[in-house]
Amino acid sequence: MAEILGKTTTEETEYTTVNSNMWIRLASDLGAFNYKISGTSLKTDMSGTESDTIVAGEIVISNYEPNDLITVDTEGAAASDNLDTIHGGHDGQIIILQAANSAHTIVIRDNAVGGGNIITAGAASFSLDNTKDKWMGVITDGRVDEISRSNNGV
């Protein structure tokens, strides 16, 4: 039990290490707040970036970087690779995917096609074939539901 902004609330505290940084997550009925401990300083972090490489159609994302911009590359620097499953994260986490390299196409496939946990609009695959393209989803009950896509490349 704690008092935040004059309101009594229950709160949860979680600790984890992501990419060599210590993260503290405080969650309460007033919202969730993420703090990154870097050296001796404590910073509030409302956005994060990370890089992932597809392995056997899957990537694993962190749990403590909300509204992630995730740069994804193909396995073995292949010209094209399918992304069927996204592991990690937490319910309600919004993720934004972009290709790491315009020469390496990331094909985001619906679970009806790829058998993973990604649900795309109209079960249609989407190709990130330019570093300016974006795909946005929200994690819900172990699946990733598409929110939007944008084909911004030339």
Protein backbone atom coordinates (compact mmCIF):
# COMPACT_ATOMS: atom_id res chain seq x y z
CA MET A 1 0.00 0.00 0.00
CA ALA A 2 1.34 3.42 -0.93
CA GLU A 3 0.16 6.98 -1.32
CA ILE A 4 0.78 8.43 -4.78
CA LEU A 5 -0.52 11.87 -5.77
CA GLY A 6 -2.68 11.89 -2.65
CA LYS A 7 -4.37 8.58 -3.49
CA THR A 8 -3.96 5.34 -1.61
CA THR A 9 -3.08 2.53 -3.95
CA THR A 10 -1.71 -0.97 -4.05
CA GLU A 11 1.42 -1.39 -6.10
CA GLU A 12 3.59 -4.15 -7.50
CA THR A 13 7.32 -3.83 -7.93
CA GLU A 14 9.29 -5.97 -10.36
CA TYR A 15 13.01 -6.00 -11.03
CA THR A 16 14.76 -7.35 -14.10
CA THR A 17 17.87 -6.92 -16.23
CA VAL A 18 17.50 -6.20 -19.95
CA ASN A 19 20.45 -5.53 -22.24
CA SER A 20 22.78 -5.08 -19.22
CA ASN A 21 20.48 -2.46 -17.65
CA MET A 22 18.58 -2.92 -14.40
CA TRP A 23 14.87 -2.08 -14.71
CA ILE A 24 12.34 -1.41 -11.97
CA ARG A 25 8.64 -1.56 -12.88
CA LEU A 26 6.10 -0.06 -10.49
CA ALA A 27 2.55 -1.00 -11.38
CA SER A 28 -0.52 0.26 -9.56
CA ASP A 29 -4.11 1.18 -10.25
CA LEU A 30 -2.74 4.63 -11.17
CA GLY A 31 -0.63 3.23 -14.02
CA ALA A 32 2.69 1.56 -14.68
CA PHE A 33 6.00 3.35 -14.46
CA ASN A 34 9.33 2.04 -15.71
CA TYR A 35 12.68 3.12 -14.33
CA LYS A 36 16.10 2.26 -15.67
CA ILE A 37 19.11 2.20 -13.37
CA SER A 38 22.20 3.13 -15.33
CA GLY A 39 25.36 3.39 -13.25
CA THR A 40 24.31 5.41 -10.22
CA SER A 41 21.41 7.27 -11.85
CA LEU A 42 17.72 6.38 -11.97
CA LYS A 43 15.87 7.41 -15.13
CA THR A 44 12.20 7.20 -16.04
CA ASP A 45 11.91 5.52 -19.40
CA MET A 46 8.71 5.90 -21.41
CA SER A 47 10.07 4.45 -24.63
CA GLY A 48 12.74 2.03 -25.67
CA THR A 49 14.47 0.60 -28.65
CA GLU A 50 15.90 -2.82 -29.20
CA SER A 51 17.20 -4.99 -32.00
CA ASP A 52 16.22 -8.59 -32.66
CA THR A 53 17.15 -11.18 -35.25
CA ILE A 54 14.63 -13.76 -36.42
CA VAL A 55 15.51 -17.32 -35.42
CA ALA A 56 13.28 -20.06 -36.87
CA GLY A 57 10.47 -17.55 -37.51
CA GLU A 58 10.56 -16.08 -34.00
CA ILE A 59 11.86 -13.09 -32.05
CA VAL A 60 11.98 -12.47 -28.30
CA ILE A 61 11.27 -8.97 -27.03
CA SER A 62 11.93 -7.45 -23.64
CA ASN A 63 9.27 -6.95 -21.01
CA TYR A 64 10.33 -3.58 -19.62
CA GLU A 65 10.59 -1.19 -22.52
CA PRO A 66 7.07 0.08 -23.24
CA ASN A 67 6.15 1.31 -26.70
CA ASP A 68 9.18 -0.44 -28.13
CA LEU A 69 10.60 0.39 -31.51
CA ILE A 70 12.03 -2.98 -32.45
CA THR A 71 14.46 -3.22 -35.33
CA VAL A 72 14.24 -6.73 -36.80
CA ASP A 73 16.75 -8.45 -39.06
CA THR A 74 16.54 -11.68 -41.01
CA GLU A 75 18.20 -14.87 -39.84
CA GLY A 76 21.68 -15.17 -41.32
CA ALA A 77 21.21 -11.85 -43.17
CA ALA A 78 18.92 -13.63 -45.66
CA ALA A 79 17.21 -11.53 -48.34
CA SER A 80 13.81 -12.40 -46.83
CA ASP A 81 12.56 -14.11 -43.67
CA ASN A 82 9.14 -14.88 -42.16
CA LEU A 83 8.17 -13.63 -38.72
CA ASP A 84 5.48 -15.89 -37.24
CA THR A 85 5.91 -15.58 -33.47
CA ILE A 86 6.81 -12.82 -31.03
CA HIS A 87 7.75 -14.01 -27.53
CA GLY A 88 8.06 -11.87 -24.41
CA GLY A 89 6.51 -8.57 -23.51
CA HIS A 90 3.45 -8.15 -21.32
CA ASP A 91 -0.28 -7.70 -21.84
CA GLY A 92 -1.05 -4.21 -23.11
CA GLN A 93 2.50 -3.58 -24.35
CA ILE A 94 2.54 -1.82 -27.71
CA ILE A 95 5.35 -2.76 -30.06
CA ILE A 96 6.46 -1.18 -33.32
CA LEU A 97 8.49 -3.25 -35.77
CA GLN A 98 10.77 -1.99 -38.52
CA ALA A 99 13.31 -3.69 -40.77
CA ALA A 100 16.97 -3.36 -39.82
CA ASN A 101 18.03 -3.31 -43.46
CA SER A 102 16.08 -2.41 -46.61
CA ALA A 103 17.79 -5.34 -48.39
CA HIS A 104 16.43 -7.83 -45.78
CA THR A 105 12.63 -8.16 -46.06
CA ILE A 106 10.72 -9.14 -42.91
CA VAL A 107 7.41 -10.85 -43.77
CA ILE A 108 5.01 -10.59 -40.80
CA ARG A 109 2.62 -13.53 -41.13
CA ASP A 110 -0.78 -14.11 -39.54
CA ASN A 111 -1.17 -17.21 -37.38
CA ALA A 112 -3.52 -18.68 -40.01
CA VAL A 113 -0.56 -18.75 -42.42
CA GLY A 114 2.50 -19.15 -40.21
CA GLY A 115 0.98 -20.92 -37.22
CA GLY A 116 2.47 -18.45 -34.71
CA ASN A 117 0.87 -15.94 -32.35
CA ILE A 118 0.57 -12.90 -34.65
CA ILE A 119 -2.90 -11.75 -35.73
CA THR A 120 -2.78 -9.44 -38.76
CA ALA A 121 -5.57 -7.38 -40.30
CA GLY A 122 -7.60 -9.61 -42.60
CA ALA A 123 -5.05 -12.43 -42.02
CA ALA A 124 -2.89 -10.69 -44.64
CA SER A 125 0.89 -10.82 -44.43
CA PHE A 126 2.82 -7.55 -44.40
CA SER A 127 6.36 -7.05 -45.68
CA LEU A 128 8.78 -4.68 -44.02
CA ASP A 129 10.92 -4.21 -47.12
CA ASN A 130 12.28 -0.76 -46.26
CA THR A 131 13.64 0.65 -43.01
CA LYS A 132 10.93 3.32 -43.16
CA ASP A 133 8.07 0.76 -43.07
CA LYS A 134 6.40 0.17 -39.68
CA TRP A 135 4.07 -2.47 -38.20
CA MET A 136 2.39 -1.90 -34.83
CA GLY A 137 0.81 -4.47 -32.54
CA VAL A 138 -0.40 -4.93 -28.97
CA ILE A 139 0.31 -7.96 -26.81
CA THR A 140 -2.89 -9.58 -25.53
CA ASP A 141 -3.18 -12.98 -23.83
CA GLY A 142 -0.03 -14.36 -25.43
CA ARG A 143 -0.80 -13.18 -28.94
CA VAL A 144 0.15 -10.00 -30.81
CA ASP A 145 -2.80 -8.22 -32.43
CA GLU A 146 -2.10 -5.80 -35.27
CA ILE A 147 -3.01 -2.18 -34.63
CA SER A 148 -1.66 -0.62 -37.81
CA ARG A 149 0.84 -0.90 -40.66
CA SER A 150 2.48 1.68 -42.86
CA ASN A 151 4.31 1.13 -46.12
CA ASN A 152 6.52 4.22 -46.07
CA GLY A 153 9.36 2.93 -48.25
CA VAL A 154 10.16 4.06 -51.75
